[in-house]
Amino acid sequence: MAKKETLNNGPAAAAILASGIGSLALGLFTTLAQAIPSVGSTLNLYDPVGPLSGKTTVAVVVWLVAWAFFHGLWKNQQVDFAKVFVAALIMIALGLLGTFPLFFEAFGN
C-alpha cells in the first residue's frame, strides 16, 4: 500500500498572510500621508499621480517582503491555517478602512 503524501500548507498560508500585511500597509500609508504632510510629500514619487504613487509602491514592496519572509519561514511546515486566515482578514479589513476618504480625511490638516 502506498504511503499517502501530505502537503505542507505553509507556502499557501504565507501568501494569504502577506496579502493581509500588504493591504494593511496600503491603508496605513494612505492615512499617514493625509495626517502627516511630510509623509505625503515623501511618498510623491510621480507628480501627476501624487502620493498615491508612493503609497502603492511601498505597499507592494511590503507585500513582497512579507511573502518572501513567511514563505521562507513556513515552506516546509504545516501551520494553523485558520489563525492565519483570520489574521489576514482582519488586516485586509483594517487596510480597506484606511483607504476610505471618510476615514483618512479625519486625520487631515
N, C-alpha and C. Protein backbone atom coordinates (compact mmCIF):
# COMPACT_ATOMS: atom_id res chain seq x y z
N MET A 1 0.84 -1.19 0.00
CA MET A 1 0.00 0.00 0.00
C MET A 1 0.88 1.25 0.00
N ALA A 2 0.56 2.17 -0.86
CA ALA A 2 1.36 3.39 -0.99
C ALA A 2 1.09 4.32 0.18
N LYS A 3 2.15 4.96 0.63
CA LYS A 3 2.04 5.93 1.71
C LYS A 3 1.40 7.21 1.17
N LYS A 4 0.42 7.73 1.87
CA LYS A 4 -0.24 8.97 1.44
C LYS A 4 0.64 10.16 1.80
N GLU A 5 0.93 10.96 0.79
CA GLU A 5 1.77 12.13 0.99
C GLU A 5 0.91 13.32 1.43
N THR A 6 1.34 13.98 2.48
CA THR A 6 0.63 15.18 2.92
C THR A 6 1.44 16.40 2.48
N LEU A 7 0.75 17.36 1.99
CA LEU A 7 1.39 18.59 1.54
C LEU A 7 1.38 19.61 2.67
N ASN A 8 2.45 20.37 2.77
CA ASN A 8 2.52 21.43 3.77
C ASN A 8 1.70 22.62 3.29
N ASN A 9 1.02 23.26 4.23
CA ASN A 9 0.21 24.43 3.88
C ASN A 9 0.94 25.74 4.15
N GLY A 10 2.18 25.68 4.59
CA GLY A 10 2.95 26.87 4.91
C GLY A 10 3.08 27.87 3.76
N PRO A 11 3.43 27.41 2.54
CA PRO A 11 3.53 28.37 1.44
C PRO A 11 2.21 29.08 1.12
N ALA A 12 1.10 28.35 1.18
CA ALA A 12 -0.21 28.98 0.94
C ALA A 12 -0.55 29.95 2.06
N ALA A 13 -0.27 29.56 3.29
CA ALA A 13 -0.54 30.45 4.42
C ALA A 13 0.32 31.71 4.33
N ALA A 14 1.55 31.57 3.86
CA ALA A 14 2.43 32.73 3.70
C ALA A 14 1.85 33.72 2.69
N ALA A 15 1.31 33.21 1.59
CA ALA A 15 0.71 34.08 0.57
C ALA A 15 -0.51 34.80 1.11
N ILE A 16 -1.35 34.08 1.85
CA ILE A 16 -2.56 34.69 2.42
C ILE A 16 -2.19 35.76 3.44
N LEU A 17 -1.26 35.45 4.34
CA LEU A 17 -0.87 36.41 5.37
C LEU A 17 -0.21 37.64 4.74
N ALA A 18 0.61 37.42 3.72
CA ALA A 18 1.27 38.55 3.06
C ALA A 18 0.26 39.48 2.41
N SER A 19 -0.83 38.93 1.89
CA SER A 19 -1.86 39.80 1.30
C SER A 19 -2.50 40.69 2.36
N GLY A 20 -2.69 40.15 3.55
CA GLY A 20 -3.22 40.95 4.64
C GLY A 20 -2.25 42.04 5.07
N ILE A 21 -0.97 41.68 5.15
CA ILE A 21 0.05 42.66 5.54
C ILE A 21 0.16 43.77 4.50
N GLY A 22 0.14 43.41 3.23
CA GLY A 22 0.20 44.41 2.17
C GLY A 22 -1.00 45.34 2.17
N SER A 23 -2.18 44.77 2.40
CA SER A 23 -3.40 45.59 2.48
C SER A 23 -3.34 46.55 3.65
N LEU A 24 -2.89 46.05 4.79
CA LEU A 24 -2.76 46.91 5.96
C LEU A 24 -1.75 48.03 5.71
N ALA A 25 -0.67 47.70 5.03
CA ALA A 25 0.34 48.72 4.72
C ALA A 25 -0.24 49.82 3.84
N LEU A 26 -1.04 49.45 2.84
CA LEU A 26 -1.66 50.45 1.97
C LEU A 26 -2.59 51.37 2.76
N GLY A 27 -3.41 50.80 3.62
CA GLY A 27 -4.30 51.62 4.45
C GLY A 27 -3.53 52.52 5.40
N LEU A 28 -2.45 51.98 5.97
CA LEU A 28 -1.65 52.76 6.91
C LEU A 28 -0.95 53.92 6.20
N PHE A 29 -0.33 53.66 5.05
CA PHE A 29 0.36 54.74 4.34
C PHE A 29 -0.62 55.76 3.77
N THR A 30 -1.81 55.34 3.40
CA THR A 30 -2.83 56.28 2.94
C THR A 30 -3.21 57.24 4.06
N THR A 31 -3.42 56.71 5.24
CA THR A 31 -3.80 57.54 6.38
C THR A 31 -2.63 58.42 6.83
N LEU A 32 -1.41 57.84 6.87
CA LEU A 32 -0.25 58.63 7.28
C LEU A 32 0.04 59.77 6.31
N ALA A 33 -0.15 59.53 5.03
CA ALA A 33 0.09 60.59 4.04
C ALA A 33 -0.87 61.76 4.23
N GLN A 34 -2.08 61.46 4.68
CA GLN A 34 -3.05 62.53 4.93
C GLN A 34 -2.77 63.22 6.26
N ALA A 35 -2.36 62.46 7.26
CA ALA A 35 -2.18 63.02 8.60
C ALA A 35 -0.88 63.80 8.75
N ILE A 36 0.17 63.36 8.06
CA ILE A 36 1.48 63.98 8.20
C ILE A 36 1.94 64.48 6.82
N PRO A 37 1.89 65.78 6.59
CA PRO A 37 2.22 66.32 5.27
C PRO A 37 3.59 65.89 4.74
N SER A 38 4.59 65.76 5.61
CA SER A 38 5.92 65.36 5.15
C SER A 38 5.93 63.93 4.63
N VAL A 39 5.09 63.07 5.18
CA VAL A 39 4.97 61.69 4.67
C VAL A 39 4.33 61.72 3.29
N GLY A 40 3.30 62.53 3.14
CA GLY A 40 2.65 62.67 1.83
C GLY A 40 3.59 63.17 0.76
N SER A 41 4.42 64.16 1.10
CA SER A 41 5.35 64.69 0.10
C SER A 41 6.47 63.69 -0.19
N THR A 42 6.88 62.92 0.81
CA THR A 42 7.90 61.88 0.60
C THR A 42 7.37 60.78 -0.31
N LEU A 43 6.10 60.45 -0.17
CA LEU A 43 5.50 59.38 -0.98
C LEU A 43 5.14 59.84 -2.39
N ASN A 44 5.33 61.12 -2.69
CA ASN A 44 5.03 61.63 -4.03
C ASN A 44 6.20 61.28 -4.96
N LEU A 45 6.11 60.12 -5.60
CA LEU A 45 7.18 59.66 -6.48
C LEU A 45 7.00 60.14 -7.91
N TYR A 46 5.79 60.55 -8.26
CA TYR A 46 5.48 60.97 -9.63
C TYR A 46 4.40 62.04 -9.55
N ASP A 47 4.76 63.30 -9.88
CA ASP A 47 3.88 64.45 -9.66
C ASP A 47 2.46 64.31 -10.22
N PRO A 48 2.26 63.83 -11.44
CA PRO A 48 0.88 63.74 -11.93
C PRO A 48 -0.01 62.83 -11.08
N VAL A 49 0.57 61.86 -10.41
CA VAL A 49 -0.21 60.92 -9.59
C VAL A 49 -0.26 61.37 -8.15
N GLY A 50 0.80 62.02 -7.68
CA GLY A 50 0.86 62.48 -6.31
C GLY A 50 1.30 61.37 -5.37
N PRO A 51 0.93 61.46 -4.09
CA PRO A 51 1.37 60.49 -3.09
C PRO A 51 0.88 59.06 -3.35
N LEU A 52 -0.15 58.92 -4.17
CA LEU A 52 -0.65 57.57 -4.47
C LEU A 52 0.45 56.70 -5.07
N SER A 53 1.34 57.31 -5.86
CA SER A 53 2.42 56.54 -6.48
C SER A 53 3.31 55.91 -5.42
N GLY A 54 3.61 56.62 -4.37
CA GLY A 54 4.45 56.09 -3.30
C GLY A 54 3.71 55.13 -2.39
N LYS A 55 2.45 55.46 -2.10
CA LYS A 55 1.65 54.57 -1.22
C LYS A 55 1.57 53.18 -1.80
N THR A 56 1.23 53.08 -3.07
CA THR A 56 1.07 51.77 -3.69
C THR A 56 2.42 51.08 -3.88
N THR A 57 3.45 51.83 -4.22
CA THR A 57 4.77 51.23 -4.39
C THR A 57 5.27 50.64 -3.08
N VAL A 58 5.16 51.40 -2.00
CA VAL A 58 5.62 50.91 -0.70
C VAL A 58 4.77 49.72 -0.25
N ALA A 59 3.47 49.77 -0.48
CA ALA A 59 2.60 48.65 -0.08
C ALA A 59 2.97 47.37 -0.84
N VAL A 60 3.29 47.49 -2.13
CA VAL A 60 3.69 46.31 -2.91
C VAL A 60 5.02 45.76 -2.39
N VAL A 61 5.95 46.64 -2.05
CA VAL A 61 7.24 46.19 -1.51
C VAL A 61 7.03 45.48 -0.17
N VAL A 62 6.20 46.04 0.69
CA VAL A 62 5.89 45.41 1.98
C VAL A 62 5.27 44.03 1.76
N TRP A 63 4.33 43.94 0.81
CA TRP A 63 3.68 42.67 0.49
C TRP A 63 4.71 41.63 0.04
N LEU A 64 5.59 42.02 -0.88
CA LEU A 64 6.59 41.08 -1.40
C LEU A 64 7.58 40.63 -0.33
N VAL A 65 8.02 41.56 0.51
CA VAL A 65 8.95 41.21 1.59
C VAL A 65 8.27 40.28 2.59
N ALA A 66 7.02 40.58 2.94
CA ALA A 66 6.29 39.71 3.88
C ALA A 66 6.10 38.32 3.28
N TRP A 67 5.75 38.26 2.02
CA TRP A 67 5.55 36.97 1.37
C TRP A 67 6.84 36.16 1.36
N ALA A 68 7.95 36.79 0.98
CA ALA A 68 9.24 36.10 0.95
C ALA A 68 9.65 35.64 2.35
N PHE A 69 9.44 36.49 3.34
CA PHE A 69 9.81 36.15 4.72
C PHE A 69 9.02 34.95 5.23
N PHE A 70 7.70 35.03 5.13
CA PHE A 70 6.88 33.94 5.66
C PHE A 70 6.99 32.67 4.82
N HIS A 71 7.20 32.81 3.52
CA HIS A 71 7.42 31.62 2.70
C HIS A 71 8.69 30.90 3.15
N GLY A 72 9.76 31.67 3.35
CA GLY A 72 11.00 31.07 3.83
C GLY A 72 10.86 30.43 5.19
N LEU A 73 10.06 31.05 6.03
CA LEU A 73 9.86 30.55 7.39
C LEU A 73 8.98 29.29 7.41
N TRP A 74 7.96 29.24 6.55
CA TRP A 74 6.96 28.18 6.61
C TRP A 74 6.99 27.21 5.43
N LYS A 75 7.98 27.26 4.55
CA LYS A 75 7.93 26.47 3.32
C LYS A 75 7.82 24.97 3.54
N ASN A 76 8.32 24.46 4.63
CA ASN A 76 8.27 23.03 4.91
C ASN A 76 7.43 22.72 6.15
N GLN A 77 6.49 23.60 6.46
CA GLN A 77 5.73 23.43 7.70
C GLN A 77 4.23 23.36 7.44
N GLN A 78 3.57 22.79 8.40
CA GLN A 78 2.12 22.78 8.46
C GLN A 78 1.76 23.81 9.53
N VAL A 79 1.03 24.85 9.17
CA VAL A 79 0.68 25.90 10.12
C VAL A 79 -0.82 25.89 10.38
N ASP A 80 -1.22 26.56 11.45
CA ASP A 80 -2.65 26.67 11.78
C ASP A 80 -3.29 27.65 10.79
N PHE A 81 -3.83 27.10 9.73
CA PHE A 81 -4.34 27.93 8.63
C PHE A 81 -5.50 28.82 9.08
N ALA A 82 -6.33 28.33 9.99
CA ALA A 82 -7.48 29.11 10.44
C ALA A 82 -7.03 30.41 11.11
N LYS A 83 -6.00 30.34 11.94
CA LYS A 83 -5.49 31.55 12.61
C LYS A 83 -4.88 32.52 11.60
N VAL A 84 -4.13 31.98 10.66
CA VAL A 84 -3.52 32.83 9.63
C VAL A 84 -4.60 33.51 8.79
N PHE A 85 -5.64 32.75 8.44
CA PHE A 85 -6.72 33.29 7.62
C PHE A 85 -7.48 34.39 8.34
N VAL A 86 -7.78 34.19 9.62
CA VAL A 86 -8.49 35.21 10.40
C VAL A 86 -7.62 36.46 10.54
N ALA A 87 -6.33 36.27 10.82
CA ALA A 87 -5.43 37.43 10.94
C ALA A 87 -5.38 38.20 9.62
N ALA A 88 -5.32 37.48 8.50
CA ALA A 88 -5.28 38.15 7.19
C ALA A 88 -6.58 38.91 6.93
N LEU A 89 -7.72 38.32 7.26
CA LEU A 89 -8.99 39.01 7.06
C LEU A 89 -9.09 40.28 7.89
N ILE A 90 -8.60 40.23 9.11
CA ILE A 90 -8.61 41.42 9.98
C ILE A 90 -7.73 42.51 9.38
N MET A 91 -6.52 42.13 8.92
CA MET A 91 -5.62 43.12 8.33
C MET A 91 -6.18 43.68 7.02
N ILE A 92 -6.82 42.85 6.23
CA ILE A 92 -7.44 43.34 4.99
C ILE A 92 -8.55 44.34 5.31
N ALA A 93 -9.37 44.03 6.32
CA ALA A 93 -10.45 44.94 6.70
C ALA A 93 -9.90 46.27 7.20
N LEU A 94 -8.85 46.23 8.03
CA LEU A 94 -8.25 47.46 8.53
C LEU A 94 -7.59 48.25 7.40
N GLY A 95 -6.95 47.55 6.47
CA GLY A 95 -6.35 48.22 5.33
C GLY A 95 -7.39 48.89 4.45
N LEU A 96 -8.50 48.20 4.24
CA LEU A 96 -9.59 48.77 3.46
C LEU A 96 -10.16 50.01 4.14
N LEU A 97 -10.32 49.94 5.46
CA LEU A 97 -10.80 51.09 6.22
C LEU A 97 -9.87 52.29 6.03
N GLY A 98 -8.56 52.04 6.05
CA GLY A 98 -7.59 53.11 5.91
C GLY A 98 -7.60 53.79 4.55
N THR A 99 -8.21 53.17 3.55
CA THR A 99 -8.26 53.77 2.22
C THR A 99 -9.56 54.51 1.95
N PHE A 100 -10.51 54.48 2.87
CA PHE A 100 -11.77 55.20 2.68
C PHE A 100 -11.59 56.67 3.02
N PRO A 101 -12.00 57.57 2.12
CA PRO A 101 -11.82 59.01 2.37
C PRO A 101 -12.44 59.49 3.68
N LEU A 102 -13.59 58.99 4.05
CA LEU A 102 -14.18 59.44 5.31
C LEU A 102 -13.27 59.13 6.50
N PHE A 103 -12.52 58.05 6.40
CA PHE A 103 -11.61 57.69 7.49
C PHE A 103 -10.33 58.53 7.44
N PHE A 104 -9.59 58.45 6.31
CA PHE A 104 -8.27 59.11 6.29
C PHE A 104 -8.37 60.62 6.28
N GLU A 105 -9.47 61.17 5.78
CA GLU A 105 -9.62 62.63 5.80
C GLU A 105 -9.87 63.16 7.21
N ALA A 106 -10.30 62.30 8.10
CA ALA A 106 -10.48 62.71 9.50
C ALA A 106 -9.14 63.05 10.15
N PHE A 107 -8.05 62.55 9.58
CA PHE A 107 -6.72 62.82 10.11
C PHE A 107 -6.01 63.95 9.39
N GLY A 108 -6.67 64.56 8.41
CA GLY A 108 -6.07 65.62 7.60
C GLY A 108 -5.88 66.91 8.37
N ASN A 109 -5.04 67.75 7.81
CA ASN A 109 -4.77 69.05 8.45
C ASN A 109 -5.72 70.10 7.96
